[in-house]
Amino acid sequence: MDQKLAHYEIKDKIAIVTIDHPPMNALDLATKEAIAEVFSEMDAQREKLRAIILHGAGEKAFAAGADIKTFLELTPDKAKRRLLRSHQIYAMVENFQWPVIAAIHGFCLGGGLELALCCDIRYAEETAKLGFPEVNLSVFPGNGGMARALYHLPLGKLKELVFTGEMISAEEALRIGLVEKVVPQGKALEAALELAAKIIEKGPLGVASAKKVINRARDLSISQGLEWETELWANLTATEDMKEGARAFIEKRKPKYQCK
C-alpha cells in the first residue's frame, strides 16, 4: 500500500497495522479515518486473516493522543459529532472479527491509550509511558477510555489516573491490569507476533466466537451472558472445524482448520 497515516501488511494470516503520523502518531481526525479505512479493508479480506497487531511507527510513541491545535476550533456540536465518529472508528477495532493485539512502545496517552483499550490484548515495552492527561487541558478522556478502562481497573485507580492526569510506567500498568505483558525495549512488536502466531494455530471459528462472547457478555447479566455463550457454543457444533478439532485430538495429530 502507499504510505498513509495508517497502513497494513499481511503475512502468514497476521496483519500488522501501523499508525504512521510522525513524530508522535497523534490521533487527529485524519489519522482516525485512516485507521478506519485500514480496518474496513481488512474486514473485506478477513478470510486471509486470523490475528491483527496494532502499533505505532517511529521510536517515540504508540500514539500520543489528539492534535491539541484542533481543540481551539471546537464547539459543543462539532465536538459531539467528532466524538461520535471516534466511537464508531474505535468500535471497528474493538469488534473486529479476529483478535487485535496492541504492541505499545513510547508514549501511549489520551486517545492513544483509549485506542489500545479497544484492542483485545496489550503488550508494552518496559520504557513505555501510559496515561490519561486530558485534565491538563480541562477535559477528560472522551473516546471511550473511561468506560473501557472500568473493565480493567478498580474504580478508585481509574479516578486517580483520570483526575491527576499522571503518566504511569509499563510495570505499573501491568500491576493494575492495563496491559497483559511487559517486554524489553524494542521487543513489543516481536512479542506481539509471537502471541499472534500461537493464536492463529487454534481453531479460528472458536477464537472468533470466544471474542464475541467476551465482548458482549461483559455488558450482560450472568444469566444473559450464559444464554449468549450457550448459543454461540452450540452453533460451533455445526462447523467442520469443530469436528476436525475433535477428530485430531482423538487421533493425536495436529488439526487442519479451514474456517468452515
C-alpha atoms as a PDB file:
ATOM      1  CA  MET A   1       0.000   0.000   0.000  1.00  0.00           C
ATOM      2  CA  ASP A   2       1.058   3.647  -0.479  1.00  0.00           C
ATOM      3  CA  GLN A   3       2.367   5.465   2.569  1.00  0.00           C
ATOM      4  CA  LYS A   4      -0.604   6.714   4.576  1.00  0.00           C
ATOM      5  CA  LEU A   5      -1.381   7.877   8.083  1.00  0.00           C
ATOM      6  CA  ALA A   6      -2.252   4.239   8.766  1.00  0.00           C
ATOM      7  CA  HIS A   7      -1.311   1.242   6.657  1.00  0.00           C
ATOM      8  CA  TYR A   8      -1.009  -2.518   6.970  1.00  0.00           C
ATOM      9  CA  GLU A   9       0.660  -5.614   5.624  1.00  0.00           C
ATOM     10  CA  ILE A  10      -0.443  -9.237   5.824  1.00  0.00           C
ATOM     11  CA  LYS A  11       1.921 -12.149   6.335  1.00  0.00           C
ATOM     12  CA  ASP A  12       1.022 -15.676   7.358  1.00  0.00           C
ATOM     13  CA  LYS A  13      -2.558 -14.646   8.281  1.00  0.00           C
ATOM     14  CA  ILE A  14      -1.294 -11.907  10.613  1.00  0.00           C
ATOM     15  CA  ALA A  15      -1.929  -8.273   9.710  1.00  0.00           C
ATOM     16  CA  ILE A  16       0.420  -5.633  11.087  1.00  0.00           C
ATOM     17  CA  VAL A  17      -1.339  -2.268  11.232  1.00  0.00           C
ATOM     18  CA  THR A  18       0.916   0.766  11.598  1.00  0.00           C
ATOM     19  CA  ILE A  19      -0.183   4.198  12.792  1.00  0.00           C
ATOM     20  CA  ASP A  20       2.166   6.441  10.818  1.00  0.00           C
ATOM     21  CA  HIS A  21       1.713  10.065  11.856  1.00  0.00           C
ATOM     22  CA  PRO A  22       5.157  11.234  12.975  1.00  0.00           C
ATOM     23  CA  PRO A  23       6.570  12.171  15.308  1.00  0.00           C
ATOM     24  CA  MET A  24       4.004  11.224  17.996  1.00  0.00           C
ATOM     25  CA  ASN A  25       1.324   9.435  15.955  1.00  0.00           C
ATOM     26  CA  ALA A  26      -1.242  11.978  17.143  1.00  0.00           C
ATOM     27  CA  LEU A  27      -4.770  10.733  16.583  1.00  0.00           C
ATOM     28  CA  ASP A  28      -6.311  13.633  14.736  1.00  0.00           C
ATOM     29  CA  LEU A  29      -9.435  13.030  12.692  1.00  0.00           C
ATOM     30  CA  ALA A  30      -7.497  12.236   9.510  1.00  0.00           C
ATOM     31  CA  THR A  31      -5.430   9.590  11.290  1.00  0.00           C
ATOM     32  CA  LYS A  32      -8.507   8.030  12.855  1.00  0.00           C
ATOM     33  CA  GLU A  33     -10.167   7.915   9.436  1.00  0.00           C
ATOM     34  CA  ALA A  34      -7.060   6.230   8.046  1.00  0.00           C
ATOM     35  CA  ILE A  35      -7.332   3.593  10.793  1.00  0.00           C
ATOM     36  CA  ALA A  36     -11.000   3.122   9.893  1.00  0.00           C
ATOM     37  CA  GLU A  37     -10.077   2.661   6.240  1.00  0.00           C
ATOM     38  CA  VAL A  38      -7.491   0.034   7.156  1.00  0.00           C
ATOM     39  CA  PHE A  39      -9.910  -1.966   9.299  1.00  0.00           C
ATOM     40  CA  SER A  40     -12.592  -1.698   6.626  1.00  0.00           C
ATOM     41  CA  GLU A  41     -10.185  -3.036   4.009  1.00  0.00           C
ATOM     42  CA  MET A  42      -9.096  -5.855   6.293  1.00  0.00           C
ATOM     43  CA  ASP A  43     -12.702  -6.751   7.016  1.00  0.00           C
ATOM     44  CA  ALA A  44     -13.261  -7.192   3.275  1.00  0.00           C
ATOM     45  CA  GLN A  45     -10.484  -9.800   3.194  1.00  0.00           C
ATOM     46  CA  ARG A  46     -10.910 -11.267   6.654  1.00  0.00           C
ATOM     47  CA  GLU A  47     -10.738 -14.806   5.258  1.00  0.00           C
ATOM     48  CA  LYS A  48      -6.994 -14.167   4.782  1.00  0.00           C
ATOM     49  CA  LEU A  49      -6.552 -13.152   8.415  1.00  0.00           C
ATOM     50  CA  ARG A  50      -6.534 -14.718  11.864  1.00  0.00           C
ATOM     51  CA  ALA A  51      -4.924 -12.007  14.036  1.00  0.00           C
ATOM     52  CA  ILE A  52      -4.107  -8.293  13.948  1.00  0.00           C
ATOM     53  CA  ILE A  53      -1.251  -6.352  15.543  1.00  0.00           C
ATOM     54  CA  LEU A  54      -1.600  -2.597  16.018  1.00  0.00           C
ATOM     55  CA  HIS A  55       1.496  -0.484  16.640  1.00  0.00           C
ATOM     56  CA  GLY A  56       2.903   2.984  16.064  1.00  0.00           C
ATOM     57  CA  ALA A  57       5.655   3.973  13.645  1.00  0.00           C
ATOM     58  CA  GLY A  58       8.864   5.585  14.830  1.00  0.00           C
ATOM     59  CA  GLU A  59      10.596   5.464  18.179  1.00  0.00           C
ATOM     60  CA  LYS A  60       8.600   7.955  20.241  1.00  0.00           C
ATOM     61  CA  ALA A  61       5.039   6.706  20.579  1.00  0.00           C
ATOM     62  CA  PHE A  62       2.382   4.093  20.050  1.00  0.00           C
ATOM     63  CA  ALA A  63       0.002   7.046  19.867  1.00  0.00           C
ATOM     64  CA  ALA A  64       0.086  10.195  21.948  1.00  0.00           C
ATOM     65  CA  GLY A  65      -3.498  11.358  21.865  1.00  0.00           C
ATOM     66  CA  ALA A  66      -5.244  14.079  19.909  1.00  0.00           C
ATOM     67  CA  ASP A  67      -3.981  17.008  17.874  1.00  0.00           C
ATOM     68  CA  ILE A  68      -4.444  19.715  20.502  1.00  0.00           C
ATOM     69  CA  LYS A  69      -4.335  22.560  17.964  1.00  0.00           C
ATOM     70  CA  THR A  70      -7.751  21.492  16.673  1.00  0.00           C
ATOM     71  CA  PHE A  71      -9.333  21.970  20.112  1.00  0.00           C
ATOM     72  CA  LEU A  72      -9.437  25.713  19.585  1.00  0.00           C
ATOM     73  CA  GLU A  73     -11.873  25.248  16.698  1.00  0.00           C
ATOM     74  CA  LEU A  74     -14.361  23.128  18.619  1.00  0.00           C
ATOM     75  CA  THR A  75     -17.917  23.970  19.572  1.00  0.00           C
ATOM     76  CA  PRO A  76     -20.203  21.646  21.555  1.00  0.00           C
ATOM     77  CA  ASP A  77     -21.999  20.482  18.382  1.00  0.00           C
ATOM     78  CA  LYS A  78     -18.786  19.976  16.450  1.00  0.00           C
ATOM     79  CA  ALA A  79     -17.185  18.175  19.397  1.00  0.00           C
ATOM     80  CA  LYS A  80     -20.154  15.829  19.738  1.00  0.00           C
ATOM     81  CA  ARG A  81     -20.038  14.906  16.031  1.00  0.00           C
ATOM     82  CA  ARG A  82     -16.313  14.286  16.268  1.00  0.00           C
ATOM     83  CA  LEU A  83     -16.659  12.109  19.364  1.00  0.00           C
ATOM     84  CA  LEU A  84     -19.478  10.058  17.879  1.00  0.00           C
ATOM     85  CA  ARG A  85     -17.358   9.374  14.807  1.00  0.00           C
ATOM     86  CA  SER A  86     -14.422   8.422  17.031  1.00  0.00           C
ATOM     87  CA  HIS A  87     -16.655   5.974  18.884  1.00  0.00           C
ATOM     88  CA  GLN A  88     -17.595   4.365  15.556  1.00  0.00           C
ATOM     89  CA  ILE A  89     -13.963   4.030  14.495  1.00  0.00           C
ATOM     90  CA  TYR A  90     -12.783   2.657  17.832  1.00  0.00           C
ATOM     91  CA  ALA A  91     -15.633   0.141  17.778  1.00  0.00           C
ATOM     92  CA  MET A  92     -14.317  -1.138  14.438  1.00  0.00           C
ATOM     93  CA  VAL A  93     -11.090  -2.060  16.221  1.00  0.00           C
ATOM     94  CA  GLU A  94     -12.786  -3.449  19.320  1.00  0.00           C
ATOM     95  CA  ASN A  95     -15.268  -5.620  17.418  1.00  0.00           C
ATOM     96  CA  PHE A  96     -13.067  -6.790  14.557  1.00  0.00           C
ATOM     97  CA  GLN A  97     -13.652 -10.492  13.936  1.00  0.00           C
ATOM     98  CA  TRP A  98     -10.126 -11.611  14.837  1.00  0.00           C
ATOM     99  CA  PRO A  99      -8.053 -10.783  17.933  1.00  0.00           C
ATOM    100  CA  VAL A 100      -6.300  -7.406  17.895  1.00  0.00           C
ATOM    101  CA  ILE A 101      -3.038  -7.098  19.844  1.00  0.00           C
ATOM    102  CA  ALA A 102      -1.588  -3.698  20.742  1.00  0.00           C
ATOM    103  CA  ALA A 103       2.234  -3.552  20.630  1.00  0.00           C
ATOM    104  CA  ILE A 104       2.961  -0.472  22.746  1.00  0.00           C
ATOM    105  CA  HIS A 105       6.177   1.494  22.859  1.00  0.00           C
ATOM    106  CA  GLY A 106       6.999   5.026  23.929  1.00  0.00           C
ATOM    107  CA  PHE A 107       4.050   7.209  24.812  1.00  0.00           C
ATOM    108  CA  CYS A 108       0.547   5.760  24.903  1.00  0.00           C
ATOM    109  CA  LEU A 109      -1.505   8.679  26.115  1.00  0.00           C
ATOM    110  CA  GLY A 110      -5.053  10.009  25.944  1.00  0.00           C
ATOM    111  CA  GLY A 111      -6.704   8.849  22.751  1.00  0.00           C
ATOM    112  CA  GLY A 112      -3.764   6.508  22.186  1.00  0.00           C
ATOM    113  CA  LEU A 113      -4.460   4.672  25.424  1.00  0.00           C
ATOM    114  CA  GLU A 114      -8.159   4.694  24.595  1.00  0.00           C
ATOM    115  CA  LEU A 115      -7.313   3.044  21.270  1.00  0.00           C
ATOM    116  CA  ALA A 116      -5.099   0.474  22.995  1.00  0.00           C
ATOM    117  CA  LEU A 117      -8.007  -0.374  25.304  1.00  0.00           C
ATOM    118  CA  CYS A 118     -10.067  -1.257  22.223  1.00  0.00           C
ATOM    119  CA  CYS A 119      -7.551  -3.995  21.474  1.00  0.00           C
ATOM    120  CA  ASP A 120      -8.048  -7.449  22.956  1.00  0.00           C
ATOM    121  CA  ILE A 121      -4.549  -7.747  24.418  1.00  0.00           C
ATOM    122  CA  ARG A 122      -1.839  -5.185  25.165  1.00  0.00           C
ATOM    123  CA  TYR A 123       1.916  -5.848  25.299  1.00  0.00           C
ATOM    124  CA  ALA A 124       4.071  -2.882  26.352  1.00  0.00           C
ATOM    125  CA  GLU A 125       7.791  -2.224  26.282  1.00  0.00           C
ATOM    126  CA  GLU A 126       9.400  -1.560  29.666  1.00  0.00           C
ATOM    127  CA  THR A 127      10.087   2.069  28.726  1.00  0.00           C
ATOM    128  CA  ALA A 128       6.511   2.827  27.675  1.00  0.00           C
ATOM    129  CA  LYS A 129       4.522   5.550  29.432  1.00  0.00           C
ATOM    130  CA  LEU A 130       0.735   5.330  29.671  1.00  0.00           C
ATOM    131  CA  GLY A 131      -1.890   7.722  30.951  1.00  0.00           C
ATOM    132  CA  PHE A 132      -4.912   9.951  30.551  1.00  0.00           C
ATOM    133  CA  PRO A 133      -3.519  13.514  30.594  1.00  0.00           C
ATOM    134  CA  GLU A 134      -6.730  15.189  29.385  1.00  0.00           C
ATOM    135  CA  VAL A 135      -7.440  17.064  32.643  1.00  0.00           C
ATOM    136  CA  ASN A 136      -4.338  19.141  31.939  1.00  0.00           C
ATOM    137  CA  LEU A 137      -6.463  20.696  29.166  1.00  0.00           C
ATOM    138  CA  SER A 138      -9.592  20.850  31.355  1.00  0.00           C
ATOM    139  CA  VAL A 139     -11.313  17.972  29.536  1.00  0.00           C
ATOM    140  CA  PHE A 140     -11.380  14.229  30.204  1.00  0.00           C
ATOM    141  CA  PRO A 141     -10.950  11.011  28.147  1.00  0.00           C
ATOM    142  CA  GLY A 142     -13.858  11.194  25.713  1.00  0.00           C
ATOM    143  CA  ASN A 143     -13.161   8.423  23.223  1.00  0.00           C
ATOM    144  CA  GLY A 144     -14.474   5.632  25.428  1.00  0.00           C
ATOM    145  CA  GLY A 145     -11.362   5.310  27.573  1.00  0.00           C
ATOM    146  CA  MET A 146     -13.047   5.595  30.941  1.00  0.00           C
ATOM    147  CA  ALA A 147     -15.848   3.188  30.039  1.00  0.00           C
ATOM    148  CA  ARG A 148     -13.405   0.585  28.730  1.00  0.00           C
ATOM    149  CA  ALA A 149     -10.847   1.089  31.496  1.00  0.00           C
ATOM    150  CA  LEU A 150     -13.533   0.126  34.017  1.00  0.00           C
ATOM    151  CA  TYR A 151     -13.261  -3.436  32.698  1.00  0.00           C
ATOM    152  CA  HIS A 152      -9.598  -3.471  33.748  1.00  0.00           C
ATOM    153  CA  LEU A 153      -9.193  -1.148  36.731  1.00  0.00           C
ATOM    154  CA  PRO A 154     -10.728  -0.684  40.155  1.00  0.00           C
ATOM    155  CA  LEU A 155     -12.881   2.434  40.238  1.00  0.00           C
ATOM    156  CA  GLY A 156     -10.587   4.326  42.582  1.00  0.00           C
ATOM    157  CA  LYS A 157      -7.482   3.601  40.484  1.00  0.00           C
ATOM    158  CA  LEU A 158      -9.236   4.808  37.337  1.00  0.00           C
ATOM    159  CA  LYS A 159     -10.306   8.011  39.090  1.00  0.00           C
ATOM    160  CA  GLU A 160      -6.765   8.536  40.335  1.00  0.00           C
ATOM    161  CA  LEU A 161      -5.368   8.241  36.803  1.00  0.00           C
ATOM    162  CA  VAL A 162      -8.012  10.462  35.238  1.00  0.00           C
ATOM    163  CA  PHE A 163      -8.164  13.120  37.978  1.00  0.00           C
ATOM    164  CA  THR A 164      -4.379  13.589  38.180  1.00  0.00           C
ATOM    165  CA  GLY A 165      -3.527  13.130  34.502  1.00  0.00           C
ATOM    166  CA  GLU A 166      -0.299  11.438  35.558  1.00  0.00           C
ATOM    167  CA  MET A 167       1.647   9.054  33.350  1.00  0.00           C
ATOM    168  CA  ILE A 168       2.485   5.612  34.685  1.00  0.00           C
ATOM    169  CA  SER A 169       5.201   3.142  33.752  1.00  0.00           C
ATOM    170  CA  ALA A 170       4.628  -0.068  31.859  1.00  0.00           C
ATOM    171  CA  GLU A 171       5.335  -2.044  35.041  1.00  0.00           C
ATOM    172  CA  GLU A 172       2.676  -0.103  36.928  1.00  0.00           C
ATOM    173  CA  ALA A 173       0.262  -0.588  34.021  1.00  0.00           C
ATOM    174  CA  LEU A 174       0.923  -4.334  34.258  1.00  0.00           C
ATOM    175  CA  ARG A 175       0.392  -4.335  38.008  1.00  0.00           C
ATOM    176  CA  ILE A 176      -3.001  -2.632  37.812  1.00  0.00           C
ATOM    177  CA  GLY A 177      -4.211  -4.558  34.745  1.00  0.00           C
ATOM    178  CA  LEU A 178      -3.964  -2.061  31.873  1.00  0.00           C
ATOM    179  CA  VAL A 179      -1.511  -4.276  29.962  1.00  0.00           C
ATOM    180  CA  GLU A 180      -1.007  -8.037  29.894  1.00  0.00           C
ATOM    181  CA  LYS A 181       2.778  -8.213  29.470  1.00  0.00           C
ATOM    182  CA  VAL A 182       5.877  -6.027  29.698  1.00  0.00           C
ATOM    183  CA  VAL A 183       8.800  -6.767  27.379  1.00  0.00           C
ATOM    184  CA  PRO A 184      12.269  -5.253  26.870  1.00  0.00           C
ATOM    185  CA  GLN A 185      12.641  -2.045  24.877  1.00  0.00           C
ATOM    186  CA  GLY A 186      12.310  -2.659  21.157  1.00  0.00           C
ATOM    187  CA  LYS A 187      10.598  -6.034  21.613  1.00  0.00           C
ATOM    188  CA  ALA A 188       6.873  -5.210  21.699  1.00  0.00           C
ATOM    189  CA  LEU A 189       6.217  -5.992  18.049  1.00  0.00           C
ATOM    190  CA  GLU A 190       8.252  -9.195  18.228  1.00  0.00           C
ATOM    191  CA  ALA A 191       6.384 -10.333  21.343  1.00  0.00           C
ATOM    192  CA  ALA A 192       3.037  -9.491  19.748  1.00  0.00           C
ATOM    193  CA  LEU A 193       3.986 -11.517  16.672  1.00  0.00           C
ATOM    194  CA  GLU A 194       4.863 -14.494  18.873  1.00  0.00           C
ATOM    195  CA  LEU A 195       1.480 -14.269  20.561  1.00  0.00           C
ATOM    196  CA  ALA A 196      -0.325 -13.903  17.230  1.00  0.00           C
ATOM    197  CA  ALA A 197       1.499 -16.979  15.909  1.00  0.00           C
ATOM    198  CA  LYS A 198       0.118 -19.001  18.825  1.00  0.00           C
ATOM    199  CA  ILE A 199      -3.401 -17.702  18.259  1.00  0.00           C
ATOM    200  CA  ILE A 200      -3.534 -18.472  14.541  1.00  0.00           C
ATOM    201  CA  GLU A 201      -2.736 -22.116  15.246  1.00  0.00           C
ATOM    202  CA  LYS A 202      -6.008 -22.509  17.148  1.00  0.00           C
ATOM    203  CA  GLY A 203      -9.481 -23.150  15.755  1.00  0.00           C
ATOM    204  CA  PRO A 204     -10.308 -19.802  14.101  1.00  0.00           C
ATOM    205  CA  LEU A 205     -14.062 -20.045  14.500  1.00  0.00           C
ATOM    206  CA  GLY A 206     -13.631 -20.894  18.168  1.00  0.00           C
ATOM    207  CA  VAL A 207     -11.356 -17.877  18.691  1.00  0.00           C
ATOM    208  CA  ALA A 208     -13.716 -15.531  16.827  1.00  0.00           C
ATOM    209  CA  SER A 209     -16.743 -16.803  18.737  1.00  0.00           C
ATOM    210  CA  ALA A 210     -14.912 -16.514  22.055  1.00  0.00           C
ATOM    211  CA  LYS A 211     -14.153 -12.864  21.277  1.00  0.00           C
ATOM    212  CA  LYS A 212     -17.817 -12.213  20.516  1.00  0.00           C
ATOM    213  CA  VAL A 213     -18.923 -13.837  23.754  1.00  0.00           C
ATOM    214  CA  ILE A 214     -16.390 -11.979  25.908  1.00  0.00           C
ATOM    215  CA  ASN A 215     -17.084  -8.577  24.346  1.00  0.00           C
ATOM    216  CA  ARG A 216     -20.845  -8.986  24.570  1.00  0.00           C
ATOM    217  CA  ALA A 217     -21.148 -10.804  27.886  1.00  0.00           C
ATOM    218  CA  ARG A 218     -19.321  -8.124  29.877  1.00  0.00           C
ATOM    219  CA  ASP A 219     -22.339  -5.840  29.347  1.00  0.00           C
ATOM    220  CA  LEU A 220     -24.918  -8.503  30.224  1.00  0.00           C
ATOM    221  CA  SER A 221     -26.190 -10.085  33.392  1.00  0.00           C
ATOM    222  CA  ILE A 222     -24.838 -13.523  34.290  1.00  0.00           C
ATOM    223  CA  SER A 223     -27.988 -15.243  33.014  1.00  0.00           C
ATOM    224  CA  GLN A 224     -27.949 -13.261  29.755  1.00  0.00           C
ATOM    225  CA  GLY A 225     -24.246 -13.926  29.310  1.00  0.00           C
ATOM    226  CA  LEU A 226     -24.758 -17.652  29.785  1.00  0.00           C
ATOM    227  CA  GLU A 227     -27.551 -17.616  27.229  1.00  0.00           C
ATOM    228  CA  TRP A 228     -25.310 -15.840  24.697  1.00  0.00           C
ATOM    229  CA  GLU A 229     -22.418 -18.197  25.455  1.00  0.00           C
ATOM    230  CA  THR A 230     -24.648 -21.263  25.027  1.00  0.00           C
ATOM    231  CA  GLU A 231     -25.989 -20.017  21.694  1.00  0.00           C
ATOM    232  CA  LEU A 232     -22.592 -19.435  20.128  1.00  0.00           C
ATOM    233  CA  TRP A 233     -21.053 -22.627  21.538  1.00  0.00           C
ATOM    234  CA  ALA A 234     -23.936 -24.715  20.197  1.00  0.00           C
ATOM    235  CA  ASN A 235     -23.600 -23.085  16.769  1.00  0.00           C
ATOM    236  CA  LEU A 236     -19.979 -24.196  16.557  1.00  0.00           C
ATOM    237  CA  THR A 237     -21.047 -27.842  16.596  1.00  0.00           C
ATOM    238  CA  ALA A 238     -22.375 -27.373  13.064  1.00  0.00           C
ATOM    239  CA  THR A 239     -18.946 -26.396  11.740  1.00  0.00           C
ATOM    240  CA  GLU A 240     -16.414 -28.604  10.003  1.00  0.00           C
ATOM    241  CA  ASP A 241     -13.655 -27.092  12.123  1.00  0.00           C
ATOM    242  CA  MET A 242     -15.184 -28.272  15.387  1.00  0.00           C
ATOM    243  CA  LYS A 243     -15.399 -31.839  14.124  1.00  0.00           C
ATOM    244  CA  GLU A 244     -11.890 -31.642  12.700  1.00  0.00           C
ATOM    245  CA  GLY A 245     -10.572 -30.419  16.056  1.00  0.00           C
ATOM    246  CA  ALA A 246     -12.248 -33.289  17.885  1.00  0.00           C
ATOM    247  CA  ARG A 247     -11.015 -35.881  15.383  1.00  0.00           C
ATOM    248  CA  ALA A 248      -7.465 -34.509  15.507  1.00  0.00           C
ATOM    249  CA  PHE A 249      -7.468 -34.699  19.301  1.00  0.00           C
ATOM    250  CA  ILE A 250      -8.699 -38.301  19.261  1.00  0.00           C
ATOM    251  CA  GLU A 251      -6.211 -39.260  16.529  1.00  0.00           C
ATOM    252  CA  LYS A 252      -3.345 -37.409  18.277  1.00  0.00           C
ATOM    253  CA  ARG A 253      -2.475 -35.212  15.313  1.00  0.00           C
ATOM    254  CA  LYS A 254      -2.397 -31.508  14.506  1.00  0.00           C
ATOM    255  CA  PRO A 255      -5.783 -30.239  13.260  1.00  0.00           C
ATOM    256  CA  LYS A 256      -6.172 -28.698   9.812  1.00  0.00           C
ATOM    257  CA  TYR A 257      -8.669 -25.904  10.211  1.00  0.00           C
ATOM    258  CA  GLN A 258     -10.398 -24.406   7.176  1.00  0.00           C
ATOM    259  CA  CYS A 259     -12.560 -21.769   8.916  1.00  0.00           C
ATOM    260  CA  LYS A 260     -15.706 -23.612   7.840  1.00  0.00           C
END
